[in-house]
Amino acid sequence: MHFRAATADPTDLDRALAYPADGPVPALTPEKIREELAAGRMRPEWTWFAEDENGEVLARALWWGRADGERPVVLDCLQVRADVADPAAVAAGLLAAGHEAFGKLPDYNISLPRDWRTSPDGLADAVAWRQKAAAEAGLVREIERLRFEWTPAAGTAEPTGRLVFREGTDEEFLDAFVRLSQGSLDVHTQSELRTMDAEALARDDIEFYTDCPGERSWWRLAHLPDGTLAGMAIPSATPYHRNVGYLGVVPEQRGKGLIDEILAEITRFHAGEAADRITATTDTVNAPMAAAFTRAGYEVTEIRLVLEAAQGA
């Protein structure tokens, strides 16, 4: 078995595009892959094959990253040929080779329908060998998220006056991130706080959202009319569309419906910029946040299974 990037032969990318996108787990179309390659979000050095001794491609892995990034951010597509006896073993070797070359362990995102566990087409089994392979390659932590989407047909809520939104300094946002992490239902936040303090996590979060395509000037602190901090709203964006970056309510103000006010502010902001779609994600275990999205007219479009390395890997 040989694992390599699609950089050794001029025909490698053609072979990657021609690889059959079969099986129950959704795969990118050749047209979409070409689009991502042209934009620099997929690259030959981030496209990997597993080959047998005859040079036949047994598996394909496509990693995705930002156009200005040096390393990929996430594994977007992983396929193993149907006649391979142990797809998990082949996939694990392919991922491990890619990880070694990248010098990091990018997350693996699998987009799935809501009924993927009970789907009659073998989808659960196809996910299971991918989970096993990812774990063997170091992606040992799993988070299941709901992906929501808003369109203009859902409309926006008018401001109620319960909160006042304003811009803030980096230090003010740092303090807000620290306070919002207390008692958070977000699985990633809970996991990170087991190995790092809240301020270090807050600095990581600020760096992440600053690096997103959204503008820092969009960020808002949310206050009660008397000036008491209630939470914050971070409208953001991806390379494809606007999204809900981060939002939350400080612990002492939770349970009062203020999350609806903050989400409405983000939605109004993007709608005011003529966004035709706003996406958002939240963990399946975060029922209060999922309910808030539903109340605001966001609809679930898929389940996103995120497989990631443990903190520090």
Protein backbone atom coordinates (compact mmCIF):
# COMPACT_ATOMS: atom_id res chain seq x y z
CA MET A 1 0.00 0.00 0.00
CA HIS A 2 1.31 3.43 -0.97
CA PHE A 3 -0.01 6.79 0.28
CA ARG A 4 0.85 9.99 -1.57
CA ALA A 5 -0.28 13.47 -2.51
CA ALA A 6 -1.56 14.22 -6.01
CA THR A 7 1.67 15.99 -6.96
CA ALA A 8 3.77 13.30 -8.67
CA ASP A 9 2.11 13.20 -12.07
CA PRO A 10 0.35 15.81 -14.25
CA THR A 11 -2.64 13.45 -14.49
CA ASP A 12 -3.09 13.16 -10.71
CA LEU A 13 -5.77 15.82 -10.44
CA ASP A 14 -7.66 14.27 -13.33
CA ARG A 15 -7.54 10.95 -11.49
CA ALA A 16 -8.81 12.62 -8.33
CA LEU A 17 -11.69 14.21 -10.22
CA ALA A 18 -12.54 10.95 -11.98
CA TYR A 19 -12.68 8.94 -8.76
CA PRO A 20 -16.24 7.58 -8.47
CA ALA A 21 -18.27 9.50 -5.90
CA ASP A 22 -20.32 6.44 -4.98
CA GLY A 23 -21.52 5.18 -1.63
CA PRO A 24 -24.11 6.61 0.74
CA VAL A 25 -21.93 9.33 2.31
CA PRO A 26 -22.29 12.52 0.23
CA ALA A 27 -19.19 13.43 -1.80
CA LEU A 28 -18.16 16.55 -3.67
CA THR A 29 -18.94 16.69 -7.38
CA PRO A 30 -16.08 17.10 -9.89
CA GLU A 31 -17.44 20.56 -10.71
CA LYS A 32 -17.28 21.61 -7.06
CA ILE A 33 -13.76 20.22 -6.68
CA ARG A 34 -12.63 22.17 -9.76
CA GLU A 35 -14.13 25.32 -8.26
CA GLU A 36 -12.32 24.79 -4.97
CA LEU A 37 -9.02 24.03 -6.73
CA ALA A 38 -9.33 27.20 -8.81
CA ALA A 39 -9.93 29.23 -5.64
CA GLY A 40 -6.94 27.69 -3.82
CA ARG A 41 -9.14 26.15 -1.13
CA MET A 42 -8.21 22.68 -2.37
CA ARG A 43 -4.73 21.95 -3.70
CA PRO A 44 -2.78 19.03 -5.19
CA GLU A 45 -0.68 18.77 -2.03
CA TRP A 46 -3.90 18.51 0.02
CA THR A 47 -5.33 15.81 -2.26
CA TRP A 48 -4.15 12.31 -1.33
CA PHE A 49 -4.42 8.79 -2.75
CA ALA A 50 -4.01 5.29 -1.37
CA GLU A 51 -2.68 3.05 -4.15
CA ASP A 52 -2.04 -0.66 -4.41
CA GLU A 53 1.18 -2.18 -5.77
CA ASN A 54 -0.09 -1.72 -9.32
CA GLY A 55 -0.79 1.98 -8.89
CA GLU A 56 -4.57 1.50 -8.74
CA VAL A 57 -6.31 4.11 -6.58
CA LEU A 58 -8.04 2.45 -3.64
CA ALA A 59 -8.96 5.56 -1.69
CA ARG A 60 -9.14 9.34 -1.99
CA ALA A 61 -8.93 12.07 0.66
CA LEU A 62 -9.61 15.74 -0.09
CA TRP A 63 -8.61 18.32 2.48
CA TRP A 64 -9.87 21.92 2.39
CA GLY A 65 -8.29 25.13 3.66
CA ARG A 66 -8.48 28.88 3.34
CA ALA A 67 -7.12 30.35 0.14
CA ASP A 68 -4.42 32.19 2.09
CA GLY A 69 -3.63 29.29 4.43
CA GLU A 70 -0.44 27.28 4.58
CA ARG A 71 -2.13 24.09 5.82
CA PRO A 72 -5.57 22.56 5.36
CA VAL A 73 -8.24 23.20 7.96
CA VAL A 74 -10.58 20.25 7.49
CA LEU A 75 -10.93 16.94 5.67
CA ASP A 76 -13.89 17.39 3.35
CA CYS A 77 -14.10 14.06 1.54
CA LEU A 78 -12.88 10.52 2.32
CA GLN A 79 -13.71 7.55 0.10
CA VAL A 80 -12.47 3.98 -0.15
CA ARG A 81 -13.27 1.68 -3.04
CA ALA A 82 -16.21 -0.64 -2.32
CA ASP A 83 -14.20 -3.83 -2.98
CA VAL A 84 -11.60 -3.05 -0.29
CA ALA A 85 -11.92 -5.64 2.49
CA ASP A 86 -10.97 -3.33 5.37
CA PRO A 87 -11.84 0.26 4.42
CA ALA A 88 -11.11 1.58 7.91
CA ALA A 89 -7.51 0.34 7.81
CA VAL A 90 -6.83 1.83 4.38
CA ALA A 91 -8.49 5.12 5.34
CA ALA A 92 -6.57 5.31 8.64
CA GLY A 93 -3.27 4.89 6.81
CA LEU A 94 -4.22 7.54 4.28
CA LEU A 95 -5.19 10.04 6.98
CA ALA A 96 -2.06 9.35 9.00
CA ALA A 97 0.11 10.00 5.95
CA GLY A 98 -1.64 13.26 5.25
CA HIS A 99 -1.42 14.36 8.88
CA GLU A 100 2.32 13.67 8.95
CA ALA A 101 2.85 15.74 5.81
CA PHE A 102 0.73 18.63 7.10
CA GLY A 103 2.32 18.66 10.55
CA LYS A 104 -1.13 18.86 12.14
CA LEU A 105 -4.40 16.94 12.44
CA PRO A 106 -7.16 18.84 10.62
CA ASP A 107 -10.73 18.11 11.67
CA TYR A 108 -12.90 15.80 9.58
CA ASN A 109 -16.43 17.03 8.87
CA ILE A 110 -19.06 14.59 7.61
CA SER A 111 -22.32 16.13 6.37
CA LEU A 112 -25.28 13.84 6.93
CA PRO A 113 -29.08 13.80 6.84
CA ARG A 114 -30.89 13.93 10.17
CA ASP A 115 -31.94 10.27 9.91
CA TRP A 116 -28.47 8.94 9.11
CA ARG A 117 -28.47 6.41 11.97
CA THR A 118 -31.66 4.72 10.75
CA SER A 119 -31.24 5.22 7.01
CA PRO A 120 -31.81 1.91 5.15
CA ASP A 121 -29.05 2.49 2.56
CA GLY A 122 -26.09 1.47 4.72
CA LEU A 123 -25.21 5.03 5.68
CA ALA A 124 -24.58 4.18 9.34
CA ASP A 125 -22.06 1.48 8.38
CA ALA A 126 -20.32 3.85 5.96
CA VAL A 127 -20.01 6.44 8.74
CA ALA A 128 -18.81 3.80 11.22
CA TRP A 129 -15.68 2.82 9.27
CA ARG A 130 -14.87 6.50 8.76
CA GLN A 131 -15.20 7.10 12.52
CA LYS A 132 -12.90 4.14 13.21
CA ALA A 133 -10.32 5.33 10.67
CA ALA A 134 -10.38 8.88 11.99
CA ALA A 135 -9.90 7.69 15.58
CA GLU A 136 -6.96 5.49 14.59
CA ALA A 137 -5.41 8.52 12.85
CA GLY A 138 -5.75 10.67 15.98
CA LEU A 139 -9.17 12.28 15.53
CA VAL A 140 -10.53 10.85 18.75
CA ARG A 141 -13.13 13.44 19.75
CA GLU A 142 -16.60 13.50 18.17
CA ILE A 143 -19.10 16.35 18.16
CA GLU A 144 -22.44 16.18 16.41
CA ARG A 145 -23.89 19.49 15.27
CA LEU A 146 -27.07 20.76 13.70
CA ARG A 147 -26.57 22.98 10.66
CA PHE A 148 -29.22 25.67 10.33
CA GLU A 149 -30.03 28.00 7.47
CA TRP A 150 -32.00 31.26 7.27
CA THR A 151 -33.36 32.73 4.02
CA PRO A 152 -35.17 36.05 3.51
CA ALA A 153 -38.52 34.25 3.36
CA ALA A 154 -38.22 33.70 7.13
CA GLY A 155 -38.16 37.45 7.78
CA THR A 156 -36.51 39.29 10.66
CA ALA A 157 -37.70 40.39 14.09
CA GLU A 158 -37.87 44.07 14.96
CA PRO A 159 -35.75 45.34 17.89
CA THR A 160 -37.64 45.25 21.19
CA GLY A 161 -35.46 47.66 23.14
CA ARG A 162 -34.57 45.01 25.73
CA LEU A 163 -30.91 45.19 24.66
CA VAL A 164 -28.59 47.88 23.37
CA PHE A 165 -25.84 46.84 20.96
CA ARG A 166 -22.54 48.66 20.58
CA GLU A 167 -19.01 48.14 19.33
CA GLY A 168 -16.35 47.17 21.84
CA THR A 169 -12.61 46.99 22.32
CA ASP A 170 -10.60 43.79 22.08
CA GLU A 171 -10.25 43.74 25.86
CA GLU A 172 -14.01 44.08 26.32
CA PHE A 173 -14.61 41.18 23.95
CA LEU A 174 -11.93 39.16 25.72
CA ASP A 175 -13.78 39.65 28.99
CA ALA A 176 -17.10 38.76 27.33
CA PHE A 177 -15.69 35.54 25.85
CA VAL A 178 -14.35 34.55 29.27
CA ARG A 179 -17.68 35.19 30.97
CA LEU A 180 -19.73 33.42 28.30
CA SER A 181 -17.61 30.28 28.57
CA GLN A 182 -18.83 29.73 32.13
CA GLY A 183 -21.52 27.05 32.08
CA SER A 184 -21.47 26.84 28.27
CA LEU A 185 -23.33 23.91 26.69
CA ASP A 186 -20.95 23.95 23.71
CA VAL A 187 -19.07 20.64 23.67
CA HIS A 188 -15.89 22.13 22.20
CA THR A 189 -15.80 24.84 24.88
CA GLN A 190 -16.34 22.30 27.66
CA SER A 191 -13.57 20.08 26.29
CA GLU A 192 -11.07 22.91 25.88
CA LEU A 193 -11.67 24.20 29.40
CA ARG A 194 -10.53 20.86 30.82
CA THR A 195 -6.98 21.58 29.65
CA MET A 196 -6.73 25.37 29.38
CA ASP A 197 -8.00 28.38 31.31
CA ALA A 198 -10.90 30.53 30.15
CA GLU A 199 -8.72 33.48 29.13
CA ALA A 200 -6.48 31.35 26.92
CA LEU A 201 -9.56 29.87 25.26
CA ALA A 202 -11.03 33.36 24.81
CA ARG A 203 -7.86 34.53 23.06
CA ASP A 204 -8.02 31.50 20.75
CA ASP A 205 -11.67 32.27 19.96
CA ILE A 206 -10.91 35.90 19.18
CA GLU A 207 -8.06 34.87 16.89
CA PHE A 208 -10.33 32.38 15.11
CA TYR A 209 -13.15 34.83 14.45
CA THR A 210 -10.74 37.60 13.49
CA ASP A 211 -9.31 35.28 10.84
CA CYS A 212 -12.75 34.43 9.42
CA PRO A 213 -13.89 36.29 6.27
CA GLY A 214 -16.28 38.43 8.35
CA GLU A 215 -15.19 41.90 9.49
CA ARG A 216 -14.09 42.72 13.03
CA SER A 217 -16.22 45.90 12.80
CA TRP A 218 -19.36 43.74 12.71
CA TRP A 219 -18.93 42.53 16.29
CA ARG A 220 -21.28 43.88 18.96
CA LEU A 221 -21.55 43.75 22.74
CA ALA A 222 -25.09 43.44 24.08
CA HIS A 223 -26.08 45.49 27.14
CA LEU A 224 -29.20 45.98 29.18
CA PRO A 225 -30.51 49.56 28.97
CA ASP A 226 -28.77 50.34 32.29
CA GLY A 227 -25.37 49.39 30.80
CA THR A 228 -25.06 45.91 32.33
CA LEU A 229 -23.33 43.47 29.99
CA ALA A 230 -25.80 40.84 28.78
CA GLY A 231 -23.85 39.06 26.05
CA MET A 232 -22.38 39.50 22.60
CA ALA A 233 -23.16 39.04 18.93
CA ILE A 234 -20.53 38.15 16.33
CA PRO A 235 -21.92 38.10 12.80
CA SER A 236 -19.38 36.37 10.58
CA ALA A 237 -18.93 34.81 7.15
CA THR A 238 -17.45 31.86 5.29
CA PRO A 239 -15.96 31.97 1.78
CA TYR A 240 -19.46 31.15 0.52
CA HIS A 241 -22.05 33.03 2.57
CA ARG A 242 -22.83 34.96 5.75
CA ASN A 243 -23.16 33.06 9.00
CA VAL A 244 -23.81 33.32 12.70
CA GLY A 245 -20.31 33.27 14.12
CA TYR A 246 -20.68 33.41 17.90
CA LEU A 247 -23.38 34.56 20.26
CA GLY A 248 -24.22 34.09 23.89
CA VAL A 249 -25.59 35.46 27.14
CA VAL A 250 -23.55 35.91 30.33
CA PRO A 251 -24.48 33.40 33.06
CA GLU A 252 -26.33 35.84 35.32
CA GLN A 253 -28.65 36.93 32.50
CA ARG A 254 -29.52 33.49 31.12
CA GLY A 255 -33.05 32.13 31.15
CA LYS A 256 -34.66 35.48 30.27
CA GLY A 257 -35.02 35.04 26.51
CA LEU A 258 -32.16 37.39 25.71
CA ILE A 259 -30.55 34.90 23.33
CA ASP A 260 -33.47 35.60 20.96
CA GLU A 261 -32.63 39.31 21.02
CA ILE A 262 -28.96 38.65 20.24
CA LEU A 263 -29.69 36.21 17.43
CA ALA A 264 -32.20 38.65 15.96
CA GLU A 265 -29.52 41.35 15.92
CA ILE A 266 -27.16 39.12 13.95
CA THR A 267 -29.92 38.14 11.54
CA ARG A 268 -30.98 41.77 11.00
CA PHE A 269 -27.38 42.77 10.37
CA HIS A 270 -26.82 40.17 7.67
CA ALA A 271 -30.27 40.74 6.15
CA GLY A 272 -29.52 44.46 6.01
CA GLU A 273 -26.44 43.59 3.95
CA ALA A 274 -28.70 41.75 1.47
CA ALA A 275 -27.61 38.26 2.52
CA ASP A 276 -29.66 35.65 0.70
CA ARG A 277 -28.61 32.93 3.13
CA ILE A 278 -27.30 32.82 6.69
CA THR A 279 -25.94 29.59 8.11
CA ALA A 280 -25.34 28.56 11.69
CA THR A 281 -24.39 25.48 13.68
CA THR A 282 -24.91 24.33 17.22
CA ASP A 283 -24.25 21.06 19.02
CA THR A 284 -27.16 18.63 19.09
CA VAL A 285 -26.92 18.59 22.90
CA ASN A 286 -27.38 22.38 23.07
CA ALA A 287 -31.18 22.25 22.98
CA PRO A 288 -31.74 25.88 24.13
CA MET A 289 -29.64 27.26 21.26
CA ALA A 290 -31.27 24.95 18.72
CA ALA A 291 -34.68 26.11 19.92
CA ALA A 292 -33.63 29.75 19.55
CA PHE A 293 -32.60 29.18 15.94
CA THR A 294 -35.92 27.53 15.22
CA ARG A 295 -37.86 30.42 16.78
CA ALA A 296 -35.88 32.84 14.60
CA GLY A 297 -36.90 31.05 11.41
CA TYR A 298 -33.73 29.06 10.84
CA GLU A 299 -34.26 25.54 9.49
CA VAL A 300 -32.09 22.45 9.95
CA THR A 301 -30.49 21.42 6.66
CA GLU A 302 -28.13 18.67 7.82
CA ILE A 303 -26.24 17.02 10.64
CA ARG A 304 -22.52 17.74 10.75
CA LEU A 305 -20.42 15.07 12.45
CA VAL A 306 -17.12 16.65 13.48
CA LEU A 307 -14.18 14.36 14.27
CA GLU A 308 -11.24 16.18 15.80
CA ALA A 309 -8.01 15.67 17.71
CA ALA A 310 -7.83 15.96 21.46
CA GLN A 311 -6.62 19.29 22.83
CA GLY A 312 -2.92 19.81 22.17
CA ALA A 313 -2.62 17.22 19.40
